[in-house]
Protein backbone atom coordinates (compact mmCIF):
# COMPACT_ATOMS: atom_id res chain seq x y z
CA MET A 1 3.50 0.11 -15.39
CA SER A 2 3.08 -3.58 -15.82
CA LYS A 3 1.24 -5.29 -13.43
CA PHE A 4 3.41 -8.27 -13.61
CA ARG A 5 6.48 -6.14 -12.62
CA LEU A 6 4.45 -4.90 -9.66
CA LYS A 7 3.61 -8.38 -8.63
CA MET A 8 7.25 -9.39 -8.96
CA ALA A 9 8.05 -6.40 -6.63
CA ARG A 10 5.57 -7.49 -3.82
CA GLN A 11 6.77 -11.00 -4.03
CA ARG A 12 10.52 -9.69 -3.85
CA GLY A 13 9.61 -7.92 -0.66
CA GLU A 14 7.98 -11.13 0.76
CA LYS A 15 11.06 -13.05 -0.18
CA VAL A 16 13.40 -10.57 1.47
CA ALA A 17 11.22 -10.71 4.67
CA GLN A 18 11.59 -14.45 4.70
CA GLU A 19 15.29 -14.26 4.03
CA HIS A 20 15.84 -12.35 7.08
CA GLY A 21 13.85 -14.60 9.28
CA PHE A 22 10.52 -12.84 9.77
CA THR A 23 7.84 -15.26 9.58
CA ALA A 24 5.36 -13.34 11.71
CA PHE A 25 4.35 -9.63 12.39
CA ARG A 26 6.07 -7.37 12.77
CA VAL A 27 8.71 -7.23 10.01
CA ASP A 28 11.39 -4.86 11.02
CA PRO A 29 12.71 -2.94 7.85
CA PHE A 30 15.41 -1.04 10.28
CA GLU A 31 16.80 -4.48 11.15
CA ILE A 32 16.76 -5.60 7.53
CA ALA A 33 18.70 -2.40 6.58
CA GLU A 34 21.26 -3.02 9.46
CA ASN A 35 21.77 -6.66 8.36
CA GLU A 36 22.75 -5.40 4.94
CA ASP A 37 25.08 -2.61 6.45
CA ILE A 38 22.76 0.07 5.29
CA VAL A 39 23.01 3.10 7.58
CA VAL A 40 19.38 4.63 8.26
CA GLU A 41 19.01 8.16 9.69
CA ALA A 42 16.20 10.56 10.35
CA LYS A 43 16.80 14.05 8.86
CA ASP A 44 15.03 16.76 7.20
CA PRO A 45 15.53 16.06 3.40
CA GLY A 46 15.33 19.70 2.64
CA LYS A 47 12.54 19.17 0.06
CA GLU A 48 8.86 19.50 0.60
CA GLY A 49 6.79 16.48 0.19
CA VAL A 50 9.87 14.19 0.30
CA SER A 51 9.31 11.16 2.54
CA GLY A 52 12.79 9.68 2.22
CA CYS A 53 15.67 9.00 -0.04
CA ILE A 54 18.54 6.55 -0.78
CA VAL A 55 22.04 7.35 -1.43
CA PHE A 56 24.73 4.86 -3.30
CA ASN A 57 28.23 5.96 -2.96
CA ASP A 58 31.73 4.60 -2.51
CA ASP A 59 31.28 4.37 1.15
CA GLY A 60 28.17 2.07 0.92
CA VAL A 61 24.41 2.74 0.91
CA GLY A 62 22.50 5.09 3.14
CA ILE A 63 18.73 5.66 3.63
CA ILE A 64 17.12 8.80 5.18
CA TYR A 65 13.58 9.07 6.21
CA SER A 66 11.91 12.62 6.83
CA THR A 67 11.61 13.92 10.33
CA HIS A 68 8.52 15.49 8.95
CA VAL A 69 6.84 12.11 9.04
CA LYS A 70 5.43 11.60 12.51
CA SER A 71 3.66 8.27 11.94
CA GLN A 72 5.63 5.12 12.94
CA GLY A 73 3.87 2.98 10.35
CA PHE A 74 4.57 5.48 7.57
CA ARG A 75 8.31 5.83 8.50
CA ARG A 76 8.61 1.92 8.59
CA PHE A 77 6.91 2.18 4.95
CA THR A 78 9.31 4.67 3.92
CA VAL A 79 12.39 2.74 4.85
CA GLY A 80 10.73 -0.42 3.42
CA HIS A 81 10.34 1.70 0.11
CA GLU A 82 13.85 2.70 0.05
CA LEU A 83 15.03 -0.89 0.64
CA GLY A 84 12.96 -1.52 -2.49
CA HIS A 85 15.40 0.61 -4.40
CA PHE A 86 18.24 -1.39 -2.95
CA TYR A 87 16.83 -4.94 -3.78
CA LEU A 88 14.85 -4.51 -6.99
CA ASP A 89 16.16 -5.43 -10.36
CA GLY A 90 17.72 -2.30 -12.15
CA HIS A 91 16.92 0.10 -9.45
CA PRO A 92 20.39 0.75 -8.20
CA GLU A 93 21.66 1.10 -11.81
CA GLU A 94 19.00 3.73 -12.61
CA ILE A 95 19.99 5.67 -9.37
CA LEU A 96 23.70 5.33 -10.04
CA ASN A 97 23.28 6.63 -13.44
CA ALA A 98 21.43 9.61 -12.05
CA GLY A 99 24.16 10.49 -9.68
CA GLY A 100 23.61 7.95 -6.69
CA PHE A 101 20.79 10.00 -4.94
CA HIS A 102 17.23 9.46 -5.16
CA ALA A 103 14.30 11.16 -3.37
CA SER A 104 10.97 9.53 -2.82
CA ARG A 105 7.60 10.20 -2.06
CA ALA A 106 6.40 6.86 -0.73
CA GLY A 107 2.84 6.03 -0.38
CA PHE A 108 1.23 4.77 -3.57
CA THR A 109 1.05 8.31 -4.89
CA GLN A 110 -0.42 8.61 -8.32
CA GLY A 111 1.74 9.80 -11.21
CA SER A 112 4.76 8.37 -9.51
CA SER A 113 7.70 6.99 -11.83
CA SER A 114 7.82 3.31 -12.40
CA ILE A 115 10.54 2.86 -9.85
CA GLU A 116 8.54 4.63 -7.20
CA LEU A 117 5.57 2.38 -7.83
CA GLU A 118 7.62 -0.63 -7.68
CA ALA A 119 9.42 0.33 -4.48
CA ASP A 120 5.79 0.99 -2.96
CA HIS A 121 4.76 -2.38 -3.85
CA PHE A 122 7.96 -3.93 -2.57
CA ALA A 123 7.45 -2.20 0.74
CA ALA A 124 3.93 -3.50 0.89
CA GLY A 125 5.02 -7.23 0.42
CA LEU A 126 7.94 -6.72 2.80
CA LEU A 127 5.97 -5.27 5.71
CA MET A 128 2.74 -7.31 4.95
CA PRO A 129 3.37 -10.81 3.52
CA SER A 130 0.39 -12.31 1.71
CA LYS A 131 0.21 -15.20 4.11
CA LEU A 132 0.39 -13.14 7.37
CA VAL A 133 -2.05 -10.68 5.78
CA ARG A 134 -4.66 -13.53 5.04
CA ASP A 135 -4.10 -14.97 8.51
CA VAL A 136 -5.30 -11.81 10.06
CA LEU A 137 -8.11 -11.17 7.87
CA ALA A 138 -9.34 -14.73 8.43
CA SER A 139 -10.07 -13.93 12.07
CA GLU A 140 -11.41 -10.47 11.48
CA GLY A 141 -14.60 -8.95 10.19
CA VAL A 142 -15.20 -7.73 6.59
CA GLY A 143 -14.17 -4.32 5.54
CA LEU A 144 -12.56 -1.60 7.86
CA SER A 145 -12.39 -3.79 11.01
CA GLY A 146 -10.01 -6.14 9.03
CA ILE A 147 -8.13 -3.11 7.74
CA ASN A 148 -7.64 -1.67 11.32
CA ALA A 149 -6.51 -5.17 12.67
CA LEU A 150 -3.80 -5.46 9.85
CA ALA A 151 -2.61 -1.86 10.48
CA LEU A 152 -2.07 -2.73 14.17
CA ASP A 153 -0.59 -6.02 13.80
CA ALA A 154 1.86 -5.02 10.99
CA GLU A 155 2.25 -1.48 12.42
CA ALA A 156 1.52 0.10 9.02
CA SER A 157 -0.22 3.03 7.95
CA LEU A 158 -3.96 2.65 7.50
CA THR A 159 -3.75 3.30 3.74
CA SER A 160 -1.08 0.66 3.03
CA ALA A 161 -2.94 -1.68 5.24
CA ALA A 162 -6.22 -1.03 3.08
CA ILE A 163 -4.32 -1.54 -0.21
CA ARG A 164 -2.77 -4.68 1.12
CA THR A 165 -6.13 -5.99 2.26
CA ALA A 166 -7.67 -5.24 -1.17
CA GLU A 167 -4.84 -7.28 -2.76
CA CYS A 168 -5.25 -10.23 -0.49
CA ALA A 169 -8.73 -10.40 0.70
CA ARG A 170 -10.81 -13.26 -0.33
CA TYR A 171 -14.01 -11.38 -0.03
CA PRO A 172 -15.21 -8.75 -2.41
CA MET A 173 -13.98 -5.21 -1.33
CA ALA A 174 -12.59 -1.88 -2.65
CA ILE A 175 -11.03 1.25 -1.52
CA VAL A 176 -10.96 4.70 -2.70
CA VAL A 177 -8.62 7.54 -1.20
CA SER A 178 -10.02 10.90 -1.76
CA ALA A 179 -9.41 14.55 -1.06
CA GLY A 180 -12.05 17.14 -0.89
CA PRO A 181 -14.46 16.49 -3.84
CA THR A 182 -11.99 14.45 -6.16
CA VAL A 183 -10.59 10.94 -6.19
CA ARG A 184 -6.78 10.31 -5.73
CA TYR A 185 -6.76 6.51 -6.47
CA GLY A 186 -8.46 3.26 -5.74
CA PHE A 187 -8.03 -0.48 -5.57
CA MET A 188 -10.36 -3.44 -6.00
CA SER A 189 -9.90 -7.12 -4.81
CA ASP A 190 -10.00 -9.61 -7.56
CA SER A 191 -13.23 -10.99 -6.14
CA PHE A 192 -14.71 -7.47 -6.33
CA LYS A 193 -13.58 -7.30 -9.92
CA SER A 194 -15.78 -10.45 -10.55
CA LEU A 195 -18.98 -8.66 -9.67
CA GLY A 196 -19.30 -7.46 -13.13
CA ARG A 197 -17.99 -4.96 -15.70
CA LEU A 198 -17.01 -2.15 -13.24
CA LYS A 199 -15.18 1.14 -13.53
CA LEU A 200 -12.63 1.97 -10.98
CA PRO A 201 -12.78 5.70 -9.94
CA ARG A 202 -9.19 7.32 -11.05
CA LYS A 203 -7.33 10.13 -10.10
CA GLY A 204 -9.04 13.51 -10.74
CA ASP A 205 -12.54 11.86 -10.98
CA ALA A 206 -15.35 13.86 -9.23
CA LEU A 207 -16.67 11.84 -6.21
CA PRO A 208 -20.36 10.84 -6.80
CA GLU A 209 -23.21 12.25 -4.61
CA SER A 210 -22.42 10.05 -1.66
CA ALA A 211 -21.73 9.87 2.18
CA THR A 212 -17.98 10.16 1.28
CA ARG A 213 -18.57 13.60 -0.54
CA ASN A 214 -20.65 14.81 2.45
CA PHE A 215 -18.01 13.73 4.60
CA ASN A 216 -15.18 15.50 2.96
CA ALA A 217 -17.13 18.79 2.65
CA ASP A 218 -16.44 19.27 6.27
CA ALA A 219 -12.61 19.54 6.39
CA GLU A 220 -12.64 19.03 10.17
CA ASN A 221 -13.92 15.44 9.69
CA VAL A 222 -10.71 14.56 7.73
CA ARG A 223 -8.30 16.70 10.21
CA SER A 224 -9.78 15.08 13.42
CA GLY A 225 -9.72 11.37 11.79
CA ARG A 226 -13.55 11.16 12.13
CA SER A 227 -15.24 8.13 10.84
CA SER A 228 -18.72 7.37 9.47
CA CYS A 229 -20.65 4.56 7.89
CA ALA A 230 -23.40 4.50 5.35
CA GLU A 231 -25.15 2.13 2.67
CA THR A 232 -24.55 2.66 -1.05
CA ASP A 233 -24.73 0.41 -4.11
CA LEU A 234 -22.50 -0.75 -6.80
CA SER A 235 -23.74 1.53 -9.55
CA ALA A 236 -23.16 4.82 -7.51
CA TRP A 237 -19.42 4.31 -7.45
CA PHE A 238 -18.50 1.63 -10.05
CA GLU A 239 -21.08 1.54 -12.60
CA GLY A 240 -22.13 -1.91 -11.73
CA SER A 241 -25.47 -3.45 -10.99
CA ALA A 242 -27.68 -1.29 -8.92
CA ASN A 243 -28.88 -4.14 -6.95
CA ILE A 244 -26.05 -4.88 -4.91
CA SER A 245 -25.75 -2.93 -1.82
CA LEU A 246 -22.45 -2.11 -0.10
CA ASP A 247 -21.32 -0.63 3.12
CA GLU A 248 -19.40 2.50 2.70
CA GLU A 249 -17.07 2.92 5.63
CA ILE A 250 -15.25 6.20 5.66
CA VAL A 251 -12.37 7.65 7.70
CA GLY A 252 -10.45 10.71 7.74
CA LEU A 253 -6.64 10.36 7.62
CA GLY A 254 -5.68 13.54 9.62
CA SER A 255 -2.84 15.95 8.51
CA TYR A 256 -2.55 13.95 5.33
CA GLY A 257 -5.74 15.72 4.16
CA LEU A 258 -7.25 12.53 2.63
CA THR A 259 -10.02 10.32 3.25
CA LEU A 260 -10.10 6.65 3.12
CA THR A 261 -13.28 4.81 1.80
CA VAL A 262 -13.81 1.18 2.17
CA PHE A 263 -16.49 -0.79 0.10
CA SER A 264 -17.54 -4.12 1.21
CA SER A 265 -20.64 -6.29 2.34
CA GLU A 266 -21.11 -9.14 4.62
CA GLU A 267 -23.98 -10.31 2.35
CA MET A 268 -21.64 -10.93 -0.67
CA PRO A 269 -20.07 -14.34 -0.65
CA ASP A 270 -16.36 -14.91 -0.50
CA ASP A 271 -14.34 -15.32 -3.42
CA PRO A 272 -15.20 -18.59 -4.99
CA TYR A 273 -11.71 -19.69 -6.35
CA GLU A 274 -9.47 -21.81 -4.07
CA GLU A 275 -6.06 -20.54 -2.96
CA ASP A 276 -3.31 -22.36 -4.43
CA ASP A 277 0.52 -21.95 -4.11
CA GLU A 278 1.11 -19.96 -7.44
CA ASP A 279 2.37 -16.85 -5.35
CA GLU A 280 4.77 -18.94 -3.34
CA LYS A 281 6.08 -20.52 -6.33
CA LEU A 282 6.84 -17.33 -8.23
CA ILE A 283 8.50 -16.16 -5.13
CA GLU A 284 10.68 -19.05 -5.12
CA SER A 285 11.40 -19.04 -8.84
CA TRP A 286 12.00 -15.45 -9.43
CA THR A 287 15.55 -14.08 -8.65
CA PRO A 288 16.35 -10.38 -9.41
CA ARG A 289 19.39 -9.77 -11.99
CA TYR A 290 21.02 -7.00 -10.14
CA ALA A 291 21.24 -5.81 -6.58
CA TYR A 292 23.87 -3.09 -5.24
CA GLY A 293 26.89 -4.63 -3.93
CA ARG A 294 25.53 -8.30 -4.00
């Protein structure tokens, strides 16, 4: 999957939020759907693991989000994800060619199809536009405290807020989502990547000997949403220089069975580059070629 296409998907989400008048948190995907005459309903999709679906037919467009999803933040993300299939270039065509019905497993799940990943990134941009994210992070501490503040302000799930923080943070940080002894996925901020020749843990990799591995060994830590903090170094997780110390902040994600680990350090300098208006220019200049009924 092209990083450029994912970036364009995020920026398309931001532009849609702007077009519908959302210039501050919280962006409401249900209102956006209503503005587009899209019917949104909560239903049991009848398929295990499905978070939502979108239907294109002669009567219009409908979105369903799963009643199994209890988190309001994840419900909002699911509706935002399905809106991605409505707005993003080529998605309606692909879904219509497959019969007009598409079930999704929103939430940056690894191994997803290209349109699923694009829809996830669209939802992240829609619900957490870059400028609003950076405004929150500028007034919060480094690491998990900033992620918690963003999740609260944006009414987002902790994992989506963590990923968006890694994409927007000026300070070096990385996140890893794990289940039991193995990695599910990870993200690094651009400034974290500048710390050296690093290797991002990938799906299926074994967790290193660490506080996170020890935390996951007790399933009750994850189920109960417990948290912990330890100190580690770059080499233990990312094969970087051993003399860079990092905070390893850990939180269990409850019924999802996953653990979020955030790596950061207030001792490291902020990203040295100056922010410019490149993203805003791209948002203004990029126009999708196709959207259903538009």
